[in-house]
Amino acid sequence: MILSHRHRFIFIKGVKVAGTSAEIALSQICGTDDIITPVTRRDEQHRLGSAGEPRNYTAHFYPPIMRRAFERRYLRLLKKPQDRSLLGRLHKRRFTNHMALREVLRLVPEACDYQAICVERSPYAKVMSFANWRRHNRTYMRGGALQQEPSGLVESIDEYLEDGSVRRVLNVERYRNLQGQVLVRPWTTANLESELADFFRSRGVAPVPLPRAKQGANSDSLDPARILRGDQIAAINSIFAEEFELFGWPMIE
């Protein structure tokens, strides 16, 4: 999540939409008073030492001097691989990575008129990306690559539909404001580079290259009608019905 007072926008990060790549790029244009939440330890390496390092996210029951000290310590530990086991025992956070828009606005009501932005993709692509991530995330977090081939996705999706965990990529609730309205400007994963370039131009800043965080099987290029069974497609259609309608994704009947 990013809340930029300098450029008057809020970036709400959905799940399995290439949000980390957009977040890292957007963080590069933020000011010292803007709020940038940490991402995963491995993805944080894309912006260590840059203008986009995480800041101003620590819980406010700490005095300001302690907040700054905690965040500096967090950055020092990120730069020392041997000390990264300590990261899980650090300070409490007021702002978190995948927090909802309404939660941000409750904490910072003056941002109600800021532009809210998200990245989204077809529910079929999100589900396939989620299945690939769940199967290989430990390898990625240890420095390996995500699986590039879609093999095994169908069996994994069966499991995640049955246990309900597939709903973790149902992002629409994250995008509601205090009145329950979804007023975010959605960028699409497939057109993310051009969407970001347009946004940077609208803010009068130089474009920032888009990093390739968590790059695995390209779910946007996979044909769900050829990979998923009919019962899986029907289940996804039902679970993500509001997102299909809201964002105009084509639904397979």
Foldseek 3Di string as FASTA:
>chain_A
DKQAPLQLEAEAEFAQFLRLLVLQQVLQPGDPPIARADDALVSQVVAQPGSNQGADFADPVDPPVVRVVQSVVLSVQSVPVVNVVCNVVGGHTQDHRRAAQQSVCVVVVVSPPGAYEYEDEDLQLSLLSVLQCVVCVVCVSVPHAGAQDSPPSQVSSVVCLVVVVSCSRLNQRSQAHPVGDRRHDYHYSVCVQVVQCVVCVVSVHDGGDRDQPRDHHRSRPDDCVVVYDPVSLVSSCVSNVVVCVVVVPDRDD
